[in-house]
């Protein structure tokens, strides 16, 4: 390999591969999601990402994102909120 593409000259230098967080580590831009009961507004579960919440609910992370943004009740059961 030539020296022109090694170290700081490499286009991927300092970047994190897309699959680096598949081992369960949180992505640095992940949004923490809290799931509340729609009836009594009690906290049911908190997730480290929208993808984790979607997996638990057996739906897509896009669906979770839409319900977080709209504030609507999902399947007459849950309310999703971003946690700080």
N, C-alpha and C. Protein backbone atom coordinates (compact mmCIF):
# COMPACT_ATOMS: atom_id res chain seq x y z
N UNK A 1 0.86 -1.18 0.00
CA UNK A 1 0.00 0.00 0.00
C UNK A 1 0.90 1.23 0.00
N UNK A 2 0.56 2.19 -0.77
CA UNK A 2 1.37 3.39 -0.85
C UNK A 2 1.15 4.28 0.38
N UNK A 3 2.15 5.09 0.69
CA UNK A 3 2.06 5.98 1.84
C UNK A 3 1.03 7.09 1.65
N UNK A 4 0.64 7.35 0.40
CA UNK A 4 -0.32 8.42 0.14
C UNK A 4 -1.72 8.10 0.64
N UNK A 5 -2.02 6.82 0.87
CA UNK A 5 -3.37 6.43 1.32
C UNK A 5 -3.36 5.84 2.73
N UNK A 6 -2.31 6.08 3.49
CA UNK A 6 -2.26 5.54 4.84
C UNK A 6 -2.39 6.66 5.87
N UNK A 7 -2.81 6.29 7.05
CA UNK A 7 -2.93 7.27 8.14
C UNK A 7 -3.91 8.38 7.82
N UNK A 8 -3.52 9.61 8.07
CA UNK A 8 -4.40 10.76 7.89
C UNK A 8 -4.76 11.01 6.43
N UNK A 9 -4.01 10.44 5.50
CA UNK A 9 -4.31 10.62 4.08
C UNK A 9 -5.40 9.67 3.58
N UNK A 10 -5.74 8.67 4.37
CA UNK A 10 -6.77 7.72 3.99
C UNK A 10 -8.14 8.39 4.07
N UNK A 11 -8.99 8.23 3.05
CA UNK A 11 -10.31 8.86 3.08
C UNK A 11 -11.19 8.42 4.24
N UNK A 12 -10.92 7.25 4.82
CA UNK A 12 -11.71 6.74 5.94
C UNK A 12 -11.08 7.07 7.30
N UNK A 13 -9.98 7.79 7.31
CA UNK A 13 -9.29 8.12 8.55
C UNK A 13 -10.21 8.90 9.50
N UNK A 14 -10.37 8.39 10.71
CA UNK A 14 -11.18 9.07 11.71
C UNK A 14 -12.68 8.82 11.61
N UNK A 15 -13.10 8.06 10.61
CA UNK A 15 -14.53 7.77 10.44
C UNK A 15 -14.86 6.42 11.06
N UNK A 16 -16.08 6.28 11.53
CA UNK A 16 -16.53 5.04 12.14
C UNK A 16 -17.28 4.24 11.08
N UNK A 17 -16.92 2.97 10.87
CA UNK A 17 -17.65 2.15 9.90
C UNK A 17 -19.12 2.02 10.28
N UNK A 18 -19.98 1.90 9.30
CA UNK A 18 -21.42 1.84 9.53
C UNK A 18 -21.81 0.65 10.41
N UNK A 19 -21.10 -0.45 10.33
CA UNK A 19 -21.46 -1.65 11.09
C UNK A 19 -20.76 -1.72 12.45
N UNK A 20 -20.08 -0.67 12.87
CA UNK A 20 -19.33 -0.69 14.11
C UNK A 20 -20.21 -0.81 15.35
N UNK A 21 -21.47 -0.45 15.26
CA UNK A 21 -22.35 -0.46 16.42
C UNK A 21 -23.30 -1.66 16.44
N UNK A 22 -23.08 -2.63 15.58
CA UNK A 22 -23.95 -3.80 15.55
C UNK A 22 -23.74 -4.70 16.76
N UNK A 23 -22.66 -4.52 17.47
CA UNK A 23 -22.38 -5.37 18.63
C UNK A 23 -23.18 -4.96 19.86
N UNK A 24 -24.03 -3.94 19.74
CA UNK A 24 -24.85 -3.53 20.85
C UNK A 24 -24.47 -2.18 21.42
N UNK A 25 -23.34 -1.65 20.99
CA UNK A 25 -22.93 -0.33 21.47
C UNK A 25 -23.85 0.72 20.87
N UNK A 26 -24.05 1.80 21.58
CA UNK A 26 -24.93 2.87 21.10
C UNK A 26 -24.24 3.72 20.06
N UNK A 27 -24.98 4.08 19.07
CA UNK A 27 -24.49 5.00 18.06
C UNK A 27 -24.41 6.38 18.69
N UNK A 28 -23.42 7.18 18.36
CA UNK A 28 -23.29 8.48 19.02
C UNK A 28 -24.46 9.43 18.78
N UNK A 29 -25.23 9.21 17.72
CA UNK A 29 -26.37 10.08 17.42
C UNK A 29 -27.71 9.43 17.74
N UNK A 30 -27.70 8.32 18.46
CA UNK A 30 -28.94 7.62 18.79
C UNK A 30 -29.78 8.47 19.74
N UNK A 31 -31.08 8.39 19.56
CA UNK A 31 -32.03 9.13 20.38
C UNK A 31 -32.65 8.16 21.38
N UNK A 32 -32.58 8.48 22.66
CA UNK A 32 -33.18 7.63 23.69
C UNK A 32 -34.69 7.80 23.64
N UNK A 33 -35.41 6.68 23.61
CA UNK A 33 -36.86 6.67 23.50
C UNK A 33 -37.48 6.07 24.76
N UNK A 34 -38.45 6.78 25.33
CA UNK A 34 -39.21 6.26 26.46
C UNK A 34 -40.60 5.89 25.98
N UNK A 35 -41.06 4.72 26.40
CA UNK A 35 -42.39 4.23 26.02
C UNK A 35 -43.28 4.29 27.25
N UNK A 36 -44.42 4.97 27.09
CA UNK A 36 -45.38 5.16 28.18
C UNK A 36 -46.70 4.47 27.84
N UNK A 37 -47.41 4.08 28.87
CA UNK A 37 -48.76 3.53 28.70
C UNK A 37 -49.68 4.67 28.27
N UNK A 38 -50.57 4.39 27.34
CA UNK A 38 -51.49 5.43 26.86
C UNK A 38 -52.63 5.67 27.86
N UNK A 39 -52.89 4.71 28.73
CA UNK A 39 -54.02 4.85 29.65
C UNK A 39 -53.65 5.66 30.90
N UNK A 40 -52.58 5.27 31.58
CA UNK A 40 -52.24 5.97 32.82
C UNK A 40 -50.92 6.74 32.74
N UNK A 41 -50.31 6.80 31.58
CA UNK A 41 -49.09 7.58 31.31
C UNK A 41 -47.89 7.16 32.16
N UNK A 42 -47.85 5.89 32.58
CA UNK A 42 -46.70 5.40 33.33
C UNK A 42 -45.62 4.92 32.37
N UNK A 43 -44.37 5.08 32.79
CA UNK A 43 -43.24 4.64 31.99
C UNK A 43 -43.20 3.12 31.96
N UNK A 44 -43.15 2.56 30.76
CA UNK A 44 -43.09 1.12 30.61
C UNK A 44 -41.65 0.66 30.41
N UNK A 45 -40.95 1.33 29.49
CA UNK A 45 -39.59 0.91 29.17
C UNK A 45 -38.87 2.06 28.49
N UNK A 46 -37.55 2.12 28.66
CA UNK A 46 -36.71 3.11 28.00
C UNK A 46 -35.71 2.38 27.11
N UNK A 47 -35.50 2.90 25.92
CA UNK A 47 -34.61 2.29 24.95
C UNK A 47 -33.49 3.24 24.57
N UNK A 48 -32.35 2.69 24.26
CA UNK A 48 -31.18 3.51 23.92
C UNK A 48 -31.25 4.06 22.50
N UNK A 49 -32.19 3.57 21.69
CA UNK A 49 -32.32 4.06 20.32
C UNK A 49 -33.72 3.77 19.78
N UNK A 50 -34.05 4.43 18.68
CA UNK A 50 -35.32 4.17 18.02
C UNK A 50 -35.33 2.75 17.46
N UNK A 51 -34.18 2.29 16.99
CA UNK A 51 -34.09 0.93 16.44
C UNK A 51 -34.37 -0.12 17.51
N UNK A 52 -33.86 0.10 18.71
CA UNK A 52 -34.10 -0.85 19.81
C UNK A 52 -35.58 -0.87 20.19
N UNK A 53 -36.20 0.31 20.23
CA UNK A 53 -37.64 0.38 20.52
C UNK A 53 -38.44 -0.32 19.43
N UNK A 54 -38.06 -0.10 18.20
CA UNK A 54 -38.76 -0.72 17.06
C UNK A 54 -38.64 -2.23 17.11
N UNK A 55 -37.48 -2.72 17.48
CA UNK A 55 -37.28 -4.17 17.57
C UNK A 55 -38.18 -4.76 18.66
N UNK A 56 -38.26 -4.10 19.81
CA UNK A 56 -39.10 -4.57 20.92
C UNK A 56 -40.58 -4.58 20.53
N UNK A 57 -40.98 -3.60 19.73
CA UNK A 57 -42.37 -3.47 19.30
C UNK A 57 -42.68 -4.23 18.01
N UNK A 58 -41.65 -4.82 17.42
CA UNK A 58 -41.80 -5.56 16.17
C UNK A 58 -42.35 -4.66 15.05
N UNK A 59 -41.73 -3.49 14.91
CA UNK A 59 -42.11 -2.54 13.87
C UNK A 59 -40.83 -1.89 13.34
N UNK A 60 -40.96 -0.91 12.47
CA UNK A 60 -39.78 -0.26 11.91
C UNK A 60 -39.39 0.96 12.73
N UNK A 61 -38.11 1.35 12.62
CA UNK A 61 -37.66 2.54 13.34
C UNK A 61 -38.27 3.80 12.73
N UNK A 62 -38.64 3.76 11.47
CA UNK A 62 -39.33 4.89 10.83
C UNK A 62 -40.69 5.09 11.49
N UNK A 63 -41.38 4.00 11.75
CA UNK A 63 -42.69 4.07 12.41
C UNK A 63 -42.55 4.68 13.80
N UNK A 64 -41.55 4.24 14.54
CA UNK A 64 -41.32 4.80 15.88
C UNK A 64 -41.02 6.29 15.78
N UNK A 65 -40.18 6.66 14.84
CA UNK A 65 -39.82 8.06 14.65
C UNK A 65 -41.05 8.92 14.35
N UNK A 66 -41.93 8.43 13.51
CA UNK A 66 -43.15 9.17 13.16
C UNK A 66 -44.05 9.38 14.38
N UNK A 67 -44.17 8.37 15.20
CA UNK A 67 -45.01 8.48 16.39
C UNK A 67 -44.37 9.37 17.45
N UNK A 68 -43.04 9.39 17.51
CA UNK A 68 -42.35 10.30 18.43
C UNK A 68 -42.63 11.73 18.00
N UNK A 69 -42.51 12.00 16.71
CA UNK A 69 -42.72 13.36 16.20
C UNK A 69 -44.17 13.81 16.32
N UNK A 70 -45.11 12.91 16.06
CA UNK A 70 -46.52 13.31 16.06
C UNK A 70 -47.15 13.33 17.45
N UNK A 71 -46.63 12.50 18.36
CA UNK A 71 -47.21 12.41 19.70
C UNK A 71 -48.47 11.57 19.74
N UNK A 72 -48.80 10.91 18.64
CA UNK A 72 -50.00 10.07 18.60
C UNK A 72 -49.79 8.77 19.37
N UNK A 73 -50.89 8.14 19.75
CA UNK A 73 -50.86 6.88 20.47
C UNK A 73 -50.69 5.74 19.47
N UNK A 74 -49.73 4.86 19.74
CA UNK A 74 -49.44 3.73 18.86
C UNK A 74 -50.29 2.53 19.27
N UNK A 75 -51.12 2.05 18.36
CA UNK A 75 -51.98 0.86 18.56
C UNK A 75 -52.82 0.94 19.84
N UNK A 76 -53.25 2.13 20.19
CA UNK A 76 -54.06 2.35 21.40
C UNK A 76 -53.40 1.84 22.66
N UNK A 77 -52.07 1.72 22.67
CA UNK A 77 -51.35 1.19 23.81
C UNK A 77 -50.25 2.10 24.33
N UNK A 78 -49.42 2.61 23.41
CA UNK A 78 -48.18 3.27 23.83
C UNK A 78 -48.03 4.69 23.29
N UNK A 79 -47.33 5.50 24.06
CA UNK A 79 -46.92 6.84 23.65
C UNK A 79 -45.39 6.85 23.68
N UNK A 80 -44.78 7.36 22.62
CA UNK A 80 -43.32 7.42 22.53
C UNK A 80 -42.86 8.86 22.75
N UNK A 81 -41.78 9.00 23.54
CA UNK A 81 -41.21 10.34 23.76
C UNK A 81 -39.69 10.23 23.74
N UNK A 82 -39.07 11.30 23.24
CA UNK A 82 -37.60 11.38 23.31
C UNK A 82 -37.22 11.68 24.75
N UNK A 83 -36.21 11.02 25.22
CA UNK A 83 -35.71 11.28 26.57
C UNK A 83 -34.48 12.17 26.47
N UNK A 84 -34.27 12.94 27.50
CA UNK A 84 -33.10 13.83 27.48
C UNK A 84 -31.94 13.24 28.21
